[in-house]
Amino acid sequence: MFVVTGTAPAGVDITYGSDSDSLSPPGGSPALPFRGSVNANLNALYYAVSAQLQGSGSIRCYVVLRVTRYWSDHTHDSAHRTLASGRAENGYNICSAQFNNG
């Protein structure tokens, strides 16, 4: 899972994915907080998120692992672990976070 939080009054450009794909939210600059996801690929070299401010704001970005366990009684639980994080403030600065898988 990829997460971007904070404030970006003039907008923010986000890309996220792995070494084999690069995705952007549909419709351009998304509202924050933003959450995106891709299916896990054990062969991926890395997972990364990048968010560029468009003039002002303060943001944080995260690569988060979400593991869901399913039980025989048809219940499930999920756990989250932050694998990488970054931050950016003001101007056109870029927040980036990358988890190397291997």
PDB file of N, CA and C in Angstrom:
ATOM      1  N   MET A   1       0.856  -1.155   0.000  1.00  0.00           N
ATOM      2  CA  MET A   1       0.000   0.000   0.000  1.00  0.00           C
ATOM      3  C   MET A   1       0.913   1.232   0.000  1.00  0.00           C
ATOM      4  N   PHE A   2       0.445   2.283  -0.619  1.00  0.00           N
ATOM      5  CA  PHE A   2       1.189   3.530  -0.725  1.00  0.00           C
ATOM      6  C   PHE A   2       0.310   4.632  -0.149  1.00  0.00           C
ATOM      7  N   VAL A   3       0.873   5.461   0.727  1.00  0.00           N
ATOM      8  CA  VAL A   3       0.094   6.459   1.435  1.00  0.00           C
ATOM      9  C   VAL A   3       0.806   7.804   1.339  1.00  0.00           C
ATOM     10  N   VAL A   4       0.032   8.867   1.080  1.00  0.00           N
ATOM     11  CA  VAL A   4       0.536  10.237   1.133  1.00  0.00           C
ATOM     12  C   VAL A   4      -0.435  11.020   2.006  1.00  0.00           C
ATOM     13  N   THR A   5       0.088  11.679   3.049  1.00  0.00           N
ATOM     14  CA  THR A   5      -0.733  12.459   3.973  1.00  0.00           C
ATOM     15  C   THR A   5      -0.195  13.880   4.069  1.00  0.00           C
ATOM     16  N   GLY A   6      -0.977  14.766   4.661  1.00  0.00           N
ATOM     17  CA  GLY A   6      -0.546  16.138   4.898  1.00  0.00           C
ATOM     18  C   GLY A   6      -1.434  17.130   4.191  1.00  0.00           C
ATOM     19  N   THR A   7      -0.849  18.301   3.874  1.00  0.00           N
ATOM     20  CA  THR A   7      -1.584  19.351   3.183  1.00  0.00           C
ATOM     21  C   THR A   7      -0.819  19.769   1.938  1.00  0.00           C
ATOM     22  N   ALA A   8      -1.546  20.009   0.882  1.00  0.00           N
ATOM     23  CA  ALA A   8      -0.969  20.465  -0.387  1.00  0.00           C
ATOM     24  C   ALA A   8      -1.977  21.405  -1.044  1.00  0.00           C
ATOM     25  N   PRO A   9      -2.056  22.655  -0.573  1.00  0.00           N
ATOM     26  CA  PRO A   9      -3.081  23.591  -1.067  1.00  0.00           C
ATOM     27  C   PRO A   9      -3.072  23.780  -2.579  1.00  0.00           C
ATOM     28  N   ALA A  10      -1.907  23.736  -3.211  1.00  0.00           N
ATOM     29  CA  ALA A  10      -1.821  23.924  -4.657  1.00  0.00           C
ATOM     30  C   ALA A  10      -1.828  22.602  -5.415  1.00  0.00           C
ATOM     31  N   GLY A  11      -1.934  21.487  -4.699  1.00  0.00           N
ATOM     32  CA  GLY A  11      -1.975  20.177  -5.329  1.00  0.00           C
ATOM     33  C   GLY A  11      -0.687  19.409  -5.156  1.00  0.00           C
ATOM     34  N   VAL A  12      -0.743  18.131  -5.535  1.00  0.00           N
ATOM     35  CA  VAL A  12       0.397  17.233  -5.420  1.00  0.00           C
ATOM     36  C   VAL A  12       0.328  16.211  -6.556  1.00  0.00           C
ATOM     37  N   ASP A  13       1.468  15.930  -7.182  1.00  0.00           N
ATOM     38  CA  ASP A  13       1.557  14.894  -8.216  1.00  0.00           C
ATOM     39  C   ASP A  13       2.140  13.642  -7.587  1.00  0.00           C
ATOM     40  N   ILE A  14       1.446  12.502  -7.741  1.00  0.00           N
ATOM     41  CA  ILE A  14       1.851  11.260  -7.088  1.00  0.00           C
ATOM     42  C   ILE A  14       2.083  10.170  -8.123  1.00  0.00           C
ATOM     43  N   THR A  15       3.164   9.417  -7.949  1.00  0.00           N
ATOM     44  CA  THR A  15       3.389   8.177  -8.693  1.00  0.00           C
ATOM     45  C   THR A  15       3.749   7.098  -7.676  1.00  0.00           C
ATOM     46  N   TYR A  16       3.349   5.865  -7.986  1.00  0.00           N
ATOM     47  CA  TYR A  16       3.614   4.757  -7.067  1.00  0.00           C
ATOM     48  C   TYR A  16       3.640   3.454  -7.842  1.00  0.00           C
ATOM     49  N   GLY A  17       4.246   2.429  -7.257  1.00  0.00           N
ATOM     50  CA  GLY A  17       4.283   1.121  -7.884  1.00  0.00           C
ATOM     51  C   GLY A  17       5.569   0.383  -7.582  1.00  0.00           C
ATOM     52  N   SER A  18       5.929  -0.515  -8.487  1.00  0.00           N
ATOM     53  CA  SER A  18       7.135  -1.326  -8.324  1.00  0.00           C
ATOM     54  C   SER A  18       8.062  -1.079  -9.507  1.00  0.00           C
ATOM     55  N   ASP A  19       9.127  -1.870  -9.588  1.00  0.00           N
ATOM     56  CA  ASP A  19      10.053  -1.721 -10.702  1.00  0.00           C
ATOM     57  C   ASP A  19       9.417  -2.090 -12.040  1.00  0.00           C
ATOM     58  N   SER A  20       8.292  -2.779 -12.015  1.00  0.00           N
ATOM     59  CA  SER A  20       7.659  -3.192 -13.268  1.00  0.00           C
ATOM     60  C   SER A  20       6.423  -2.364 -13.627  1.00  0.00           C
ATOM     61  N   ASP A  21       6.030  -1.427 -12.751  1.00  0.00           N
ATOM     62  CA  ASP A  21       4.891  -0.571 -13.092  1.00  0.00           C
ATOM     63  C   ASP A  21       5.007   0.767 -12.368  1.00  0.00           C
ATOM     64  N   SER A  22       4.463   1.788 -12.984  1.00  0.00           N
ATOM     65  CA  SER A  22       4.428   3.118 -12.398  1.00  0.00           C
ATOM     66  C   SER A  22       3.020   3.656 -12.601  1.00  0.00           C
ATOM     67  N   LEU A  23       2.332   3.908 -11.501  1.00  0.00           N
ATOM     68  CA  LEU A  23       0.930   4.305 -11.557  1.00  0.00           C
ATOM     69  C   LEU A  23       0.749   5.720 -11.034  1.00  0.00           C
ATOM     70  N   SER A  24      -0.315   6.369 -11.466  1.00  0.00           N
ATOM     71  CA  SER A  24      -0.711   7.683 -10.966  1.00  0.00           C
ATOM     72  C   SER A  24      -2.204   7.641 -10.665  1.00  0.00           C
ATOM     73  N   PRO A  25      -2.655   8.410  -9.679  1.00  0.00           N
ATOM     74  CA  PRO A  25      -4.081   8.441  -9.401  1.00  0.00           C
ATOM     75  C   PRO A  25      -4.851   8.983 -10.605  1.00  0.00           C
ATOM     76  N   PRO A  26      -6.004   8.416 -10.905  1.00  0.00           N
ATOM     77  CA  PRO A  26      -6.802   8.934 -12.014  1.00  0.00           C
ATOM     78  C   PRO A  26      -7.286  10.351 -11.724  1.00  0.00           C
ATOM     79  N   GLY A  27      -7.312  11.175 -12.728  1.00  0.00           N
ATOM     80  CA  GLY A  27      -7.848  12.521 -12.589  1.00  0.00           C
ATOM     81  C   GLY A  27      -6.869  13.568 -12.116  1.00  0.00           C
ATOM     82  N   GLY A  28      -5.575  13.231 -12.068  1.00  0.00           N
ATOM     83  CA  GLY A  28      -4.589  14.246 -11.687  1.00  0.00           C
ATOM     84  C   GLY A  28      -4.339  14.314 -10.208  1.00  0.00           C
ATOM     85  N   SER A  29      -4.273  15.521  -9.676  1.00  0.00           N
ATOM     86  CA  SER A  29      -3.903  15.761  -8.279  1.00  0.00           C
ATOM     87  C   SER A  29      -5.002  15.273  -7.332  1.00  0.00           C
ATOM     88  N   PRO A  30      -4.717  14.233  -6.532  1.00  0.00           N
ATOM     89  CA  PRO A  30      -5.747  13.680  -5.657  1.00  0.00           C
ATOM     90  C   PRO A  30      -5.871  14.463  -4.352  1.00  0.00           C
ATOM     91  N   ALA A  31      -6.991  14.285  -3.678  1.00  0.00           N
ATOM     92  CA  ALA A  31      -7.161  14.831  -2.334  1.00  0.00           C
ATOM     93  C   ALA A  31      -6.309  14.011  -1.370  1.00  0.00           C
ATOM     94  N   LEU A  32      -5.832  14.668  -0.326  1.00  0.00           N
ATOM     95  CA  LEU A  32      -5.060  13.963   0.699  1.00  0.00           C
ATOM     96  C   LEU A  32      -5.954  13.705   1.901  1.00  0.00           C
ATOM     97  N   PRO A  33      -5.820  12.600   2.592  1.00  0.00           N
ATOM     98  CA  PRO A  33      -4.817  11.569   2.388  1.00  0.00           C
ATOM     99  C   PRO A  33      -5.124  10.706   1.168  1.00  0.00           C
ATOM    100  N   PHE A  34      -4.064  10.245   0.510  1.00  0.00           N
ATOM    101  CA  PHE A  34      -4.165   9.366  -0.647  1.00  0.00           C
ATOM    102  C   PHE A  34      -3.698   7.974  -0.244  1.00  0.00           C
ATOM    103  N   ARG A  35      -4.401   6.957  -0.757  1.00  0.00           N
ATOM    104  CA  ARG A  35      -3.988   5.565  -0.576  1.00  0.00           C
ATOM    105  C   ARG A  35      -4.104   4.851  -1.909  1.00  0.00           C
ATOM    106  N   GLY A  36      -3.028   4.186  -2.299  1.00  0.00           N
ATOM    107  CA  GLY A  36      -3.021   3.389  -3.521  1.00  0.00           C
ATOM    108  C   GLY A  36      -2.436   2.027  -3.210  1.00  0.00           C
ATOM    109  N   SER A  37      -2.694   1.065  -4.067  1.00  0.00           N
ATOM    110  CA  SER A  37      -2.145  -0.267  -3.812  1.00  0.00           C
ATOM    111  C   SER A  37      -1.892  -1.004  -5.122  1.00  0.00           C
ATOM    112  N   VAL A  38      -1.034  -1.989  -5.027  1.00  0.00           N
ATOM    113  CA  VAL A  38      -0.764  -2.923  -6.107  1.00  0.00           C
ATOM    114  C   VAL A  38      -0.719  -4.308  -5.478  1.00  0.00           C
ATOM    115  N   ASN A  39      -0.929  -5.330  -6.295  1.00  0.00           N
ATOM    116  CA  ASN A  39      -0.782  -6.691  -5.797  1.00  0.00           C
ATOM    117  C   ASN A  39       0.688  -6.983  -5.565  1.00  0.00           C
ATOM    118  N   ALA A  40       0.976  -7.729  -4.510  1.00  0.00           N
ATOM    119  CA  ALA A  40       2.361  -8.070  -4.186  1.00  0.00           C
ATOM    120  C   ALA A  40       2.954  -8.955  -5.278  1.00  0.00           C
ATOM    121  N   ASN A  41       4.205  -8.695  -5.601  1.00  0.00           N
ATOM    122  CA  ASN A  41       4.952  -9.490  -6.568  1.00  0.00           C
ATOM    123  C   ASN A  41       6.274  -9.849  -5.905  1.00  0.00           C
ATOM    124  N   LEU A  42       6.473 -11.115  -5.580  1.00  0.00           N
ATOM    125  CA  LEU A  42       7.684 -11.538  -4.879  1.00  0.00           C
ATOM    126  C   LEU A  42       8.942 -11.306  -5.700  1.00  0.00           C
ATOM    127  N   ASN A  43       8.807 -11.139  -7.010  1.00  0.00           N
ATOM    128  CA  ASN A  43       9.966 -10.903  -7.873  1.00  0.00           C
ATOM    129  C   ASN A  43      10.286  -9.417  -8.058  1.00  0.00           C
ATOM    130  N   ALA A  44       9.473  -8.537  -7.507  1.00  0.00           N
ATOM    131  CA  ALA A  44       9.713  -7.106  -7.660  1.00  0.00           C
ATOM    132  C   ALA A  44      11.011  -6.722  -6.960  1.00  0.00           C
ATOM    133  N   LEU A  45      11.787  -5.855  -7.596  1.00  0.00           N
ATOM    134  CA  LEU A  45      13.038  -5.385  -7.004  1.00  0.00           C
ATOM    135  C   LEU A  45      12.776  -4.332  -5.928  1.00  0.00           C
ATOM    136  N   TYR A  46      11.736  -3.511  -6.139  1.00  0.00           N
ATOM    137  CA  TYR A  46      11.416  -2.473  -5.168  1.00  0.00           C
ATOM    138  C   TYR A  46       9.967  -2.034  -5.324  1.00  0.00           C
ATOM    139  N   TYR A  47       9.483  -1.357  -4.277  1.00  0.00           N
ATOM    140  CA  TYR A  47       8.196  -0.668  -4.279  1.00  0.00           C
ATOM    141  C   TYR A  47       8.472   0.771  -3.856  1.00  0.00           C
ATOM    142  N   ALA A  48       7.873   1.740  -4.535  1.00  0.00           N
ATOM    143  CA  ALA A  48       8.187   3.141  -4.246  1.00  0.00           C
ATOM    144  C   ALA A  48       6.972   4.037  -4.448  1.00  0.00           C
ATOM    145  N   VAL A  49       6.991   5.158  -3.720  1.00  0.00           N
ATOM    146  CA  VAL A  49       6.001   6.215  -3.891  1.00  0.00           C
ATOM    147  C   VAL A  49       6.752   7.541  -3.943  1.00  0.00           C
ATOM    148  N   SER A  50       6.277   8.430  -4.808  1.00  0.00           N
ATOM    149  CA  SER A  50       6.867   9.759  -4.952  1.00  0.00           C
ATOM    150  C   SER A  50       5.726  10.765  -5.063  1.00  0.00           C
ATOM    151  N   ALA A  51       5.845  11.864  -4.311  1.00  0.00           N
ATOM    152  CA  ALA A  51       4.804  12.897  -4.326  1.00  0.00           C
ATOM    153  C   ALA A  51       5.474  14.260  -4.393  1.00  0.00           C
ATOM    154  N   GLN A  52       5.154  15.041  -5.436  1.00  0.00           N
ATOM    155  CA  GLN A  52       5.753  16.367  -5.595  1.00  0.00           C
ATOM    156  C   GLN A  52       4.725  17.440  -5.302  1.00  0.00           C
ATOM    157  N   LEU A  53       5.084  18.320  -4.362  1.00  0.00           N
ATOM    158  CA  LEU A  53       4.241  19.468  -4.061  1.00  0.00           C
ATOM    159  C   LEU A  53       4.192  20.408  -5.265  1.00  0.00           C
ATOM    160  N   GLN A  54       3.088  21.135  -5.403  1.00  0.00           N
ATOM    161  CA  GLN A  54       2.930  22.069  -6.508  1.00  0.00           C
ATOM    162  C   GLN A  54       2.915  23.508  -6.018  1.00  0.00           C
ATOM    163  N   GLY A  55       3.873  23.843  -5.143  1.00  0.00           N
ATOM    164  CA  GLY A  55       4.024  25.227  -4.720  1.00  0.00           C
ATOM    165  C   GLY A  55       3.999  25.455  -3.225  1.00  0.00           C
ATOM    166  N   SER A  56       3.267  24.631  -2.481  1.00  0.00           N
ATOM    167  CA  SER A  56       3.220  24.826  -1.033  1.00  0.00           C
ATOM    168  C   SER A  56       2.686  23.567  -0.375  1.00  0.00           C
ATOM    169  N   GLY A  57       2.891  23.491   0.936  1.00  0.00           N
ATOM    170  CA  GLY A  57       2.344  22.383   1.697  1.00  0.00           C
ATOM    171  C   GLY A  57       3.384  21.647   2.504  1.00  0.00           C
ATOM    172  N   SER A  58       2.933  20.599   3.159  1.00  0.00           N
ATOM    173  CA  SER A  58       3.769  19.734   3.977  1.00  0.00           C
ATOM    174  C   SER A  58       3.193  18.332   3.887  1.00  0.00           C
ATOM    175  N   ILE A  59       3.970  17.391   3.353  1.00  0.00           N
ATOM    176  CA  ILE A  59       3.452  16.037   3.139  1.00  0.00           C
ATOM    177  C   ILE A  59       4.417  14.986   3.676  1.00  0.00           C
ATOM    178  N   ARG A  60       3.868  13.816   3.924  1.00  0.00           N
ATOM    179  CA  ARG A  60       4.634  12.619   4.266  1.00  0.00           C
ATOM    180  C   ARG A  60       4.157  11.514   3.341  1.00  0.00           C
ATOM    181  N   CYS A  61       5.090  10.619   2.989  1.00  0.00           N
ATOM    182  CA  CYS A  61       4.725   9.499   2.122  1.00  0.00           C
ATOM    183  C   CYS A  61       5.270   8.208   2.719  1.00  0.00           C
ATOM    184  N   TYR A  62       4.568   7.114   2.455  1.00  0.00           N
ATOM    185  CA  TYR A  62       4.886   5.833   3.078  1.00  0.00           C
ATOM    186  C   TYR A  62       4.690   4.677   2.098  1.00  0.00           C
ATOM    187  N   VAL A  63       5.566   3.684   2.208  1.00  0.00           N
ATOM    188  CA  VAL A  63       5.335   2.375   1.602  1.00  0.00           C
ATOM    189  C   VAL A  63       4.972   1.465   2.770  1.00  0.00           C
ATOM    190  N   VAL A  64       3.785   0.866   2.713  1.00  0.00           N
ATOM    191  CA  VAL A  64       3.258   0.087   3.828  1.00  0.00           C
ATOM    192  C   VAL A  64       2.926  -1.324   3.355  1.00  0.00           C
ATOM    193  N   LEU A  65       3.353  -2.310   4.121  1.00  0.00           N
ATOM    194  CA  LEU A  65       3.001  -3.706   3.847  1.00  0.00           C
ATOM    195  C   LEU A  65       1.732  -4.032   4.614  1.00  0.00           C
ATOM    196  N   ARG A  66       0.744  -4.557   3.925  1.00  0.00           N
ATOM    197  CA  ARG A  66      -0.491  -4.998   4.567  1.00  0.00           C
ATOM    198  C   ARG A  66      -0.610  -6.496   4.354  1.00  0.00           C
ATOM    199  N   VAL A  67      -0.690  -7.232   5.448  1.00  0.00           N
ATOM    200  CA  VAL A  67      -0.840  -8.685   5.387  1.00  0.00           C
ATOM    201  C   VAL A  67      -2.187  -9.034   6.000  1.00  0.00           C
ATOM    202  N   THR A  68      -2.989  -9.783   5.251  1.00  0.00           N
ATOM    203  CA  THR A  68      -4.287 -10.224   5.740  1.00  0.00           C
ATOM    204  C   THR A  68      -4.261 -11.729   5.917  1.00  0.00           C
ATOM    205  N   ARG A  69      -4.642 -12.170   7.107  1.00  0.00           N
ATOM    206  CA  ARG A  69      -4.716 -13.609   7.391  1.00  0.00           C
ATOM    207  C   ARG A  69      -6.188 -14.012   7.404  1.00  0.00           C
ATOM    208  N   TYR A  70      -6.480 -15.132   6.754  1.00  0.00           N
ATOM    209  CA  TYR A  70      -7.835 -15.652   6.703  1.00  0.00           C
ATOM    210  C   TYR A  70      -7.899 -16.923   7.535  1.00  0.00           C
ATOM    211  N   TRP A  71      -8.941 -17.045   8.341  1.00  0.00           N
ATOM    212  CA  TRP A  71      -9.089 -18.172   9.246  1.00  0.00           C
ATOM    213  C   TRP A  71     -10.181 -19.115   8.737  1.00  0.00           C
ATOM    214  N   SER A  72     -10.137 -20.352   9.196  1.00  0.00           N
ATOM    215  CA  SER A  72     -11.079 -21.381   8.738  1.00  0.00           C
ATOM    216  C   SER A  72     -12.523 -21.060   9.094  1.00  0.00           C
ATOM    217  N   ASP A  73     -12.752 -20.194  10.091  1.00  0.00           N
ATOM    218  CA  ASP A  73     -14.124 -19.819  10.451  1.00  0.00           C
ATOM    219  C   ASP A  73     -14.628 -18.631   9.629  1.00  0.00           C
ATOM    220  N   HIS A  74     -13.924 -18.315   8.514  1.00  0.00           N
ATOM    221  CA  HIS A  74     -14.282 -17.266   7.562  1.00  0.00           C
ATOM    222  C   HIS A  74     -14.093 -15.847   8.106  1.00  0.00           C
ATOM    223  N   THR A  75     -13.331 -15.703   9.178  1.00  0.00           N
ATOM    224  CA  THR A  75     -12.961 -14.374   9.654  1.00  0.00           C
ATOM    225  C   THR A  75     -11.556 -14.062   9.146  1.00  0.00           C
ATOM    226  N   HIS A  76     -11.150 -12.831   9.309  1.00  0.00           N
ATOM    227  CA  HIS A  76      -9.799 -12.450   8.903  1.00  0.00           C
ATOM    228  C   HIS A  76      -9.325 -11.275   9.756  1.00  0.00           C
ATOM    229  N   ASP A  77      -8.014 -11.065   9.744  1.00  0.00           N
ATOM    230  CA  ASP A  77      -7.450  -9.881  10.369  1.00  0.00           C
ATOM    231  C   ASP A  77      -6.302  -9.382   9.501  1.00  0.00           C
ATOM    232  N   SER A  78      -6.033  -8.084   9.624  1.00  0.00           N
ATOM    233  CA  SER A  78      -4.979  -7.461   8.827  1.00  0.00           C
ATOM    234  C   SER A  78      -4.001  -6.742   9.746  1.00  0.00           C
ATOM    235  N   ALA A  79      -2.750  -6.739   9.349  1.00  0.00           N
ATOM    236  CA  ALA A  79      -1.718  -6.005  10.065  1.00  0.00           C
ATOM    237  C   ALA A  79      -0.975  -5.141   9.059  1.00  0.00           C
ATOM    238  N   HIS A  80      -0.545  -3.955   9.501  1.00  0.00           N
ATOM    239  CA  HIS A  80       0.181  -3.015   8.650  1.00  0.00           C
ATOM    240  C   HIS A  80       1.562  -2.769   9.236  1.00  0.00           C
ATOM    241  N   ARG A  81       2.554  -2.661   8.347  1.00  0.00           N
ATOM    242  CA  ARG A  81       3.922  -2.354   8.770  1.00  0.00           C
ATOM    243  C   ARG A  81       4.510  -1.350   7.785  1.00  0.00           C
ATOM    244  N   THR A  82       4.978  -0.207   8.290  1.00  0.00           N
ATOM    245  CA  THR A  82       5.609   0.791   7.436  1.00  0.00           C
ATOM    246  C   THR A  82       7.011   0.323   7.080  1.00  0.00           C
ATOM    247  N   LEU A  83       7.288   0.215   5.768  1.00  0.00           N
ATOM    248  CA  LEU A  83       8.582  -0.264   5.281  1.00  0.00           C
ATOM    249  C   LEU A  83       9.524   0.875   4.920  1.00  0.00           C
ATOM    250  N   ALA A  84       8.976   2.024   4.520  1.00  0.00           N
ATOM    251  CA  ALA A  84       9.795   3.180   4.141  1.00  0.00           C
ATOM    252  C   ALA A  84       8.934   4.429   4.251  1.00  0.00           C
ATOM    253  N   SER A  85       9.585   5.574   4.527  1.00  0.00           N
ATOM    254  CA  SER A  85       8.839   6.827   4.625  1.00  0.00           C
ATOM    255  C   SER A  85       9.714   7.994   4.220  1.00  0.00           C
ATOM    256  N   GLY A  86       9.064   9.117   3.917  1.00  0.00           N
ATOM    257  CA  GLY A  86       9.767  10.346   3.555  1.00  0.00           C
ATOM    258  C   GLY A  86       8.877  11.535   3.820  1.00  0.00           C
ATOM    259  N   ARG A  87       9.438  12.742   3.647  1.00  0.00           N
ATOM    260  CA  ARG A  87       8.642  13.950   3.853  1.00  0.00           C
ATOM    261  C   ARG A  87       9.161  15.071   2.967  1.00  0.00           C
ATOM    262  N   ALA A  88       8.291  16.034   2.710  1.00  0.00           N
ATOM    263  CA  ALA A  88       8.648  17.219   1.921  1.00  0.00           C
ATOM    264  C   ALA A  88       7.831  18.393   2.418  1.00  0.00           C
ATOM    265  N   GLU A  89       8.424  19.580   2.335  1.00  0.00           N
ATOM    266  CA  GLU A  89       7.731  20.802   2.731  1.00  0.00           C
ATOM    267  C   GLU A  89       8.001  21.913   1.734  1.00  0.00           C
ATOM    268  N   ASN A  90       6.945  22.672   1.433  1.00  0.00           N
ATOM    269  CA  ASN A  90       7.011  23.921   0.660  1.00  0.00           C
ATOM    270  C   ASN A  90       7.557  23.752  -0.757  1.00  0.00           C
ATOM    271  N   GLY A  91       7.301  24.770  -1.558  1.00  0.00           N
ATOM    272  CA  GLY A  91       7.799  24.816  -2.927  1.00  0.00           C
ATOM    273  C   GLY A  91       7.360  23.636  -3.771  1.00  0.00           C
ATOM    274  N   TYR A  92       8.290  23.157  -4.555  1.00  0.00           N
ATOM    275  CA  TYR A  92       8.037  22.015  -5.449  1.00  0.00           C
ATOM    276  C   TYR A  92       8.861  20.812  -5.001  1.00  0.00           C
ATOM    277  N   ASN A  93       9.073  20.700  -3.707  1.00  0.00           N
ATOM    278  CA  ASN A  93       9.879  19.607  -3.173  1.00  0.00           C
ATOM    279  C   ASN A  93       9.178  18.267  -3.334  1.00  0.00           C
ATOM    280  N   ILE A  94       9.986  17.213  -3.320  1.00  0.00           N
ATOM    281  CA  ILE A  94       9.494  15.862  -3.583  1.00  0.00           C
ATOM    282  C   ILE A  94       9.669  14.983  -2.356  1.00  0.00           C
ATOM    283  N   CYS A  95       8.600  14.334  -1.982  1.00  0.00           N
ATOM    284  CA  CYS A  95       8.620  13.325  -0.933  1.00  0.00           C
ATOM    285  C   CYS A  95       8.783  11.974  -1.627  1.00  0.00           C
ATOM    286  N   SER A  96       9.737  11.172  -1.191  1.00  0.00           N
ATOM    287  CA  SER A  96       9.880   9.849  -1.793  1.00  0.00           C
ATOM    288  C   SER A  96      10.182   8.814  -0.728  1.00  0.00           C
ATOM    289  N   ALA A  97       9.691   7.605  -0.957  1.00  0.00           N
ATOM    290  CA  ALA A  97       9.936   6.476  -0.068  1.00  0.00           C
ATOM    291  C   ALA A  97      10.061   5.234  -0.944  1.00  0.00           C
ATOM    292  N   GLN A  98      11.096   4.438  -0.691  1.00  0.00           N
ATOM    293  CA  GLN A  98      11.332   3.230  -1.493  1.00  0.00           C
ATOM    294  C   GLN A  98      11.734   2.081  -0.597  1.00  0.00           C
ATOM    295  N   PHE A  99      11.094   0.933  -0.797  1.00  0.00           N
ATOM    296  CA  PHE A  99      11.447  -0.297  -0.116  1.00  0.00           C
ATOM    297  C   PHE A  99      12.092  -1.233  -1.123  1.00  0.00           C
ATOM    298  N   ASN A 100      13.329  -1.636  -0.868  1.00  0.00           N
ATOM    299  CA  ASN A 100      14.020  -2.589  -1.735  1.00  0.00           C
ATOM    300  C   ASN A 100      13.685  -3.995  -1.300  1.00  0.00           C
ATOM    301  N   ASN A 101      13.176  -4.785  -2.206  1.00  0.00           N
ATOM    302  CA  ASN A 101      12.665  -6.119  -1.927  1.00  0.00           C
ATOM    303  C   ASN A 101      13.746  -7.160  -2.207  1.00  0.00           C
ATOM    304  N   GLY A 102      14.665  -7.295  -1.319  1.00  0.00           N
ATOM    305  CA  GLY A 102      15.659  -8.340  -1.551  1.00  0.00           C
ATOM    306  C   GLY A 102      16.938  -8.125  -0.961  1.00  0.00           C
TER     307      GLY A 102
END
